[in-house]
Each structure stands twice: as structure tokens, then as C-alpha cells.
Amino acid sequence: MIFTLPEIHLAAVNAAIARSGTTRLRVTALSRDRETALGDGELMLVDNVIDQSTATMKLKAVFANPEHRLWPGQFVVARLSTETRADVVVVPVPAVQRGPDGPYVFVIKPDQTVEMRPVTVGPDESGTAVIEKGLTAGETIVTDGQYRLQSGTRVSVAGRGS
């Protein structure tokens, strides 16, 4: 499979190749709706030219395809894994708000009031964002209805996810 990535990802791809010592990074082919994984393969080649008209680079991945879920000419979404992070704080993307001073989330304090907390947001994927700075694991945050809040507003928790 030949696919393209925006050139802004070139540094991350090169760093991942340098860390692993090989171009054989994991590539996942997903259905058009990004819901179904169709197969896993390996990156084999990164083209050495950036297409100036689209600001993209070409990459080639190879898939074993034992279940015949991939077909020539089929539209798929390619996901190239350049980094795996462990023990990170993640939140639903809608929890992250944008203000004049940057991104923030509302944290529910033990007294059931909220605090507007600035955060540093890392990559997001499938509706979940990595919070690199500003939150600790286990803190309860507001994920809906933030437009009615300001620091000190009393809230009640409607439901908790697992």
C-alpha cells in the first residue's frame, strides 16, 4: 500500500525510524469510517521527495493480509505508529476547552466546585487527548456543559465512566 502523510509529520517519522533502527514501523489500515481495523503491516519505505503541490510525502507499507480484508484500489485510512506512550493522563477531547490563555479543563474539586485548570495537550486520537501537563491521574473533570461554568461553580456529578 502506498499512502501519504502531511510533511509536518516528517520529523516524527524520522525520529521513530532513528529510535527503532529500522523503517519497519507499524501501520494499521482502517476502514473509511476509522472504526474497523482491516490489517496491520510494516512501513517499508519513505520517499525522499516532498510533493510541493500537496505538501505531502509518500510512504509504502506491506501487509500480510491473511484474511483478505484489503483489496487493490480500496480506500483505507492508514495509521502509522511513531510513538507509544505508557502511563499518560488522557481525557475525552470535548473536555478540553480553548481560551485566550490556551487550553484548559474544568476539574471538580472535593468540595464539588470546579476549577479552571490550564493544560498542555499532546496528541489526540479517536476522541481521546493526551494531557502532558496540568492534570494528574484520577482527577475528575467536566466533559459536558462547560459553557455554563466558571471557577468556583458548584456542580454535581451526573455519572462516572469506568
C-alpha atoms as a PDB file:
ATOM      1  CA  MET A   1       0.000   0.000   0.000  1.00  0.00           C
ATOM      2  CA  ILE A   2       1.238   3.469  -0.873  1.00  0.00           C
ATOM      3  CA  PHE A   3      -0.129   6.298   1.252  1.00  0.00           C
ATOM      4  CA  THR A   4       0.712   9.899   2.008  1.00  0.00           C
ATOM      5  CA  LEU A   5       1.248  11.953   5.139  1.00  0.00           C
ATOM      6  CA  PRO A   6       1.468  15.725   5.532  1.00  0.00           C
ATOM      7  CA  GLU A   7       5.090  16.850   5.556  1.00  0.00           C
ATOM      8  CA  ILE A   8       4.674  18.258   9.084  1.00  0.00           C
ATOM      9  CA  HIS A   9       4.926  14.628  10.287  1.00  0.00           C
ATOM     10  CA  LEU A  10       8.319  14.040   8.651  1.00  0.00           C
ATOM     11  CA  ALA A  11      10.281  14.837  11.828  1.00  0.00           C
ATOM     12  CA  ALA A  12       8.175  12.396  13.902  1.00  0.00           C
ATOM     13  CA  VAL A  13       8.573   9.645  11.290  1.00  0.00           C
ATOM     14  CA  ASN A  14      12.333  10.201  11.074  1.00  0.00           C
ATOM     15  CA  ALA A  15      12.650  10.223  14.886  1.00  0.00           C
ATOM     16  CA  ALA A  16      10.708   6.955  15.143  1.00  0.00           C
ATOM     17  CA  ILE A  17      12.900   5.350  12.494  1.00  0.00           C
ATOM     18  CA  ALA A  18      16.015   6.559  14.316  1.00  0.00           C
ATOM     19  CA  ARG A  19      14.745   5.188  17.666  1.00  0.00           C
ATOM     20  CA  SER A  20      13.834   1.803  16.218  1.00  0.00           C
ATOM     21  CA  GLY A  21      16.853   1.488  13.942  1.00  0.00           C
ATOM     22  CA  THR A  22      14.632   0.365  11.057  1.00  0.00           C
ATOM     23  CA  THR A  23      11.935   1.750   8.787  1.00  0.00           C
ATOM     24  CA  ARG A  24       9.678  -1.135   9.818  1.00  0.00           C
ATOM     25  CA  LEU A  25       7.208   0.830  11.887  1.00  0.00           C
ATOM     26  CA  ARG A  26       3.677  -0.487  12.452  1.00  0.00           C
ATOM     27  CA  VAL A  27       0.999   0.670  10.019  1.00  0.00           C
ATOM     28  CA  THR A  28      -2.666  -0.105  10.570  1.00  0.00           C
ATOM     29  CA  ALA A  29      -5.194   0.003   7.737  1.00  0.00           C
ATOM     30  CA  LEU A  30      -8.623   1.178   8.909  1.00  0.00           C
ATOM     31  CA  SER A  31     -11.988   1.288   7.196  1.00  0.00           C
ATOM     32  CA  ARG A  32     -13.184   4.580   5.725  1.00  0.00           C
ATOM     33  CA  ASP A  33     -15.085   5.396   8.937  1.00  0.00           C
ATOM     34  CA  ARG A  34     -11.937   4.675  11.019  1.00  0.00           C
ATOM     35  CA  GLU A  35     -13.891   2.189  13.128  1.00  0.00           C
ATOM     36  CA  THR A  36     -12.665  -1.175  11.826  1.00  0.00           C
ATOM     37  CA  ALA A  37      -9.054  -2.311  11.664  1.00  0.00           C
ATOM     38  CA  LEU A  38      -8.566  -4.142   8.367  1.00  0.00           C
ATOM     39  CA  GLY A  39      -4.987  -5.232   8.916  1.00  0.00           C
ATOM     40  CA  ASP A  40      -1.574  -4.471  10.365  1.00  0.00           C
ATOM     41  CA  GLY A  41       1.531  -4.077   8.288  1.00  0.00           C
ATOM     42  CA  GLU A  42       5.014  -2.607   8.318  1.00  0.00           C
ATOM     43  CA  LEU A  43       6.386   0.570   6.847  1.00  0.00           C
ATOM     44  CA  MET A  44       8.932  -0.355   4.217  1.00  0.00           C
ATOM     45  CA  LEU A  45       9.839   2.917   2.527  1.00  0.00           C
ATOM     46  CA  VAL A  46       9.645   6.679   2.970  1.00  0.00           C
ATOM     47  CA  ASP A  47      10.000   8.562  -0.308  1.00  0.00           C
ATOM     48  CA  ASN A  48      12.820  11.102  -0.318  1.00  0.00           C
ATOM     49  CA  VAL A  49      10.748  13.817  -2.017  1.00  0.00           C
ATOM     50  CA  ILE A  50       8.041  16.102  -0.647  1.00  0.00           C
ATOM     51  CA  ASP A  51       5.255  16.798  -3.162  1.00  0.00           C
ATOM     52  CA  GLN A  52       5.277  20.608  -3.238  1.00  0.00           C
ATOM     53  CA  SER A  53       1.759  20.856  -4.664  1.00  0.00           C
ATOM     54  CA  THR A  54       0.199  18.932  -1.749  1.00  0.00           C
ATOM     55  CA  ALA A  55       2.887  19.291   0.972  1.00  0.00           C
ATOM     56  CA  THR A  56       2.798  15.515   1.472  1.00  0.00           C
ATOM     57  CA  MET A  57       5.281  12.672   1.439  1.00  0.00           C
ATOM     58  CA  LYS A  58       4.703   9.171   0.084  1.00  0.00           C
ATOM     59  CA  LEU A  59       5.216   6.084   2.198  1.00  0.00           C
ATOM     60  CA  LYS A  60       4.933   2.400   1.361  1.00  0.00           C
ATOM     61  CA  ALA A  61       3.715  -0.301   3.734  1.00  0.00           C
ATOM     62  CA  VAL A  62       3.415  -4.050   3.259  1.00  0.00           C
ATOM     63  CA  PHE A  63       0.554  -6.104   4.722  1.00  0.00           C
ATOM     64  CA  ALA A  64       0.368  -9.894   5.027  1.00  0.00           C
ATOM     65  CA  ASN A  65      -3.449  -9.740   4.561  1.00  0.00           C
ATOM     66  CA  PRO A  66      -4.175 -13.379   5.557  1.00  0.00           C
ATOM     67  CA  GLU A  67      -7.933 -12.743   5.891  1.00  0.00           C
ATOM     68  CA  HIS A  68      -8.153 -10.944   2.527  1.00  0.00           C
ATOM     69  CA  ARG A  69      -9.696  -7.839   4.106  1.00  0.00           C
ATOM     70  CA  LEU A  70      -7.620  -5.494   1.939  1.00  0.00           C
ATOM     71  CA  TRP A  71      -8.188  -5.195  -1.805  1.00  0.00           C
ATOM     72  CA  PRO A  72      -6.290  -3.357  -4.551  1.00  0.00           C
ATOM     73  CA  GLY A  73      -7.728   0.133  -5.042  1.00  0.00           C
ATOM     74  CA  GLN A  74      -9.710   0.013  -1.795  1.00  0.00           C
ATOM     75  CA  PHE A  75      -9.962   3.283   0.147  1.00  0.00           C
ATOM     76  CA  VAL A  76      -8.479   2.887   3.618  1.00  0.00           C
ATOM     77  CA  VAL A  77      -7.196   5.185   6.324  1.00  0.00           C
ATOM     78  CA  ALA A  78      -3.564   4.425   7.163  1.00  0.00           C
ATOM     79  CA  ARG A  79      -2.384   4.948  10.730  1.00  0.00           C
ATOM     80  CA  LEU A  80       1.387   4.987  11.198  1.00  0.00           C
ATOM     81  CA  SER A  81       2.555   4.404  14.779  1.00  0.00           C
ATOM     82  CA  THR A  82       5.549   6.595  15.541  1.00  0.00           C
ATOM     83  CA  GLU A  83       5.401   6.511  19.321  1.00  0.00           C
ATOM     84  CA  THR A  84       3.797   4.514  22.094  1.00  0.00           C
ATOM     85  CA  ARG A  85       3.264   6.273  25.387  1.00  0.00           C
ATOM     86  CA  ALA A  86       2.580   4.498  28.656  1.00  0.00           C
ATOM     87  CA  ASP A  87       1.174   5.827  31.923  1.00  0.00           C
ATOM     88  CA  VAL A  88      -0.206   9.050  30.476  1.00  0.00           C
ATOM     89  CA  VAL A  89      -3.252  11.036  31.521  1.00  0.00           C
ATOM     90  CA  VAL A  90      -5.933  11.053  28.834  1.00  0.00           C
ATOM     91  CA  VAL A  91      -9.269  12.870  28.638  1.00  0.00           C
ATOM     92  CA  PRO A  92     -12.131  12.965  26.139  1.00  0.00           C
ATOM     93  CA  VAL A  93     -11.375  15.637  23.532  1.00  0.00           C
ATOM     94  CA  PRO A  94     -14.598  17.597  24.356  1.00  0.00           C
ATOM     95  CA  ALA A  95     -13.305  18.141  27.910  1.00  0.00           C
ATOM     96  CA  VAL A  96     -10.510  20.349  26.577  1.00  0.00           C
ATOM     97  CA  GLN A  97     -11.633  23.941  26.130  1.00  0.00           C
ATOM     98  CA  ARG A  98      -9.768  26.766  24.405  1.00  0.00           C
ATOM     99  CA  GLY A  99      -9.433  30.202  25.941  1.00  0.00           C
ATOM    100  CA  PRO A 100      -7.360  33.337  25.362  1.00  0.00           C
ATOM    101  CA  ASP A 101      -4.594  31.877  27.525  1.00  0.00           C
ATOM    102  CA  GLY A 102      -4.642  28.475  25.848  1.00  0.00           C
ATOM    103  CA  PRO A 103      -6.275  25.095  26.511  1.00  0.00           C
ATOM    104  CA  TYR A 104      -7.870  24.268  29.854  1.00  0.00           C
ATOM    105  CA  VAL A 105     -10.177  21.781  31.536  1.00  0.00           C
ATOM    106  CA  PHE A 106     -12.580  22.165  34.430  1.00  0.00           C
ATOM    107  CA  VAL A 107     -11.507  19.981  37.371  1.00  0.00           C
ATOM    108  CA  ILE A 108     -14.074  19.036  40.017  1.00  0.00           C
ATOM    109  CA  LYS A 109     -12.595  19.603  43.465  1.00  0.00           C
ATOM    110  CA  PRO A 110     -13.567  17.578  46.577  1.00  0.00           C
ATOM    111  CA  ASP A 111     -15.992  20.334  47.674  1.00  0.00           C
ATOM    112  CA  GLN A 112     -17.922  19.823  44.370  1.00  0.00           C
ATOM    113  CA  THR A 113     -16.823  23.155  42.908  1.00  0.00           C
ATOM    114  CA  VAL A 114     -14.906  23.462  39.663  1.00  0.00           C
ATOM    115  CA  GLU A 115     -11.507  24.923  38.981  1.00  0.00           C
ATOM    116  CA  MET A 116     -10.408  26.065  35.544  1.00  0.00           C
ATOM    117  CA  ARG A 117      -7.030  24.356  35.062  1.00  0.00           C
ATOM    118  CA  PRO A 118      -4.610  25.207  32.230  1.00  0.00           C
ATOM    119  CA  VAL A 119      -3.277  22.091  30.498  1.00  0.00           C
ATOM    120  CA  THR A 120      -0.720  21.179  27.896  1.00  0.00           C
ATOM    121  CA  VAL A 121      -2.370  18.929  25.320  1.00  0.00           C
ATOM    122  CA  GLY A 122      -0.430  16.267  23.458  1.00  0.00           C
ATOM    123  CA  PRO A 123      -1.632  14.149  20.562  1.00  0.00           C
ATOM    124  CA  ASP A 124      -5.254  13.108  20.268  1.00  0.00           C
ATOM    125  CA  GLU A 125      -6.699  10.041  18.665  1.00  0.00           C
ATOM    126  CA  SER A 126     -10.157   8.542  18.392  1.00  0.00           C
ATOM    127  CA  GLY A 127     -11.732  11.201  20.598  1.00  0.00           C
ATOM    128  CA  THR A 128      -9.135  10.976  23.378  1.00  0.00           C
ATOM    129  CA  ALA A 129      -6.397  13.554  24.055  1.00  0.00           C
ATOM    130  CA  VAL A 130      -3.157  13.093  25.976  1.00  0.00           C
ATOM    131  CA  ILE A 131      -2.667  15.694  28.711  1.00  0.00           C
ATOM    132  CA  GLU A 132       1.054  16.250  29.059  1.00  0.00           C
ATOM    133  CA  LYS A 133       0.861  18.772  31.880  1.00  0.00           C
ATOM    134  CA  GLY A 134      -1.792  20.165  34.209  1.00  0.00           C
ATOM    135  CA  LEU A 135      -3.722  17.079  35.370  1.00  0.00           C
ATOM    136  CA  THR A 136      -2.921  14.062  37.470  1.00  0.00           C
ATOM    137  CA  ALA A 137      -4.418  10.605  37.105  1.00  0.00           C
ATOM    138  CA  GLY A 138      -7.676  10.128  38.972  1.00  0.00           C
ATOM    139  CA  GLU A 139      -8.860  13.735  38.962  1.00  0.00           C
ATOM    140  CA  THR A 140     -12.496  14.195  37.983  1.00  0.00           C
ATOM    141  CA  ILE A 141     -13.123  16.582  35.098  1.00  0.00           C
ATOM    142  CA  VAL A 142     -16.119  18.116  33.362  1.00  0.00           C
ATOM    143  CA  THR A 143     -16.788  16.666  29.925  1.00  0.00           C
ATOM    144  CA  ASP A 144     -20.068  18.389  29.028  1.00  0.00           C
ATOM    145  CA  GLY A 145     -21.795  21.696  29.780  1.00  0.00           C
ATOM    146  CA  GLN A 146     -18.631  23.747  30.297  1.00  0.00           C
ATOM    147  CA  TYR A 147     -20.188  26.844  28.726  1.00  0.00           C
ATOM    148  CA  ARG A 148     -22.170  27.394  31.948  1.00  0.00           C
ATOM    149  CA  LEU A 149     -19.152  27.149  34.240  1.00  0.00           C
ATOM    150  CA  GLN A 150     -16.599  29.427  35.797  1.00  0.00           C
ATOM    151  CA  SER A 151     -14.123  28.731  38.590  1.00  0.00           C
ATOM    152  CA  GLY A 152     -15.952  28.174  41.876  1.00  0.00           C
ATOM    153  CA  THR A 153     -19.240  26.992  40.353  1.00  0.00           C
ATOM    154  CA  ARG A 154     -20.825  24.179  42.384  1.00  0.00           C
ATOM    155  CA  VAL A 155     -21.614  21.060  40.333  1.00  0.00           C
ATOM    156  CA  SER A 156     -22.975  17.581  40.841  1.00  0.00           C
ATOM    157  CA  VAL A 157     -21.524  14.557  39.093  1.00  0.00           C
ATOM    158  CA  ALA A 158     -24.173  13.020  36.817  1.00  0.00           C
ATOM    159  CA  GLY A 159     -22.370   9.770  36.054  1.00  0.00           C
ATOM    160  CA  ARG A 160     -18.915   8.298  36.089  1.00  0.00           C
ATOM    161  CA  GLY A 161     -17.246   6.246  33.351  1.00  0.00           C
ATOM    162  CA  SER A 162     -15.157   3.208  34.096  1.00  0.00           C
END
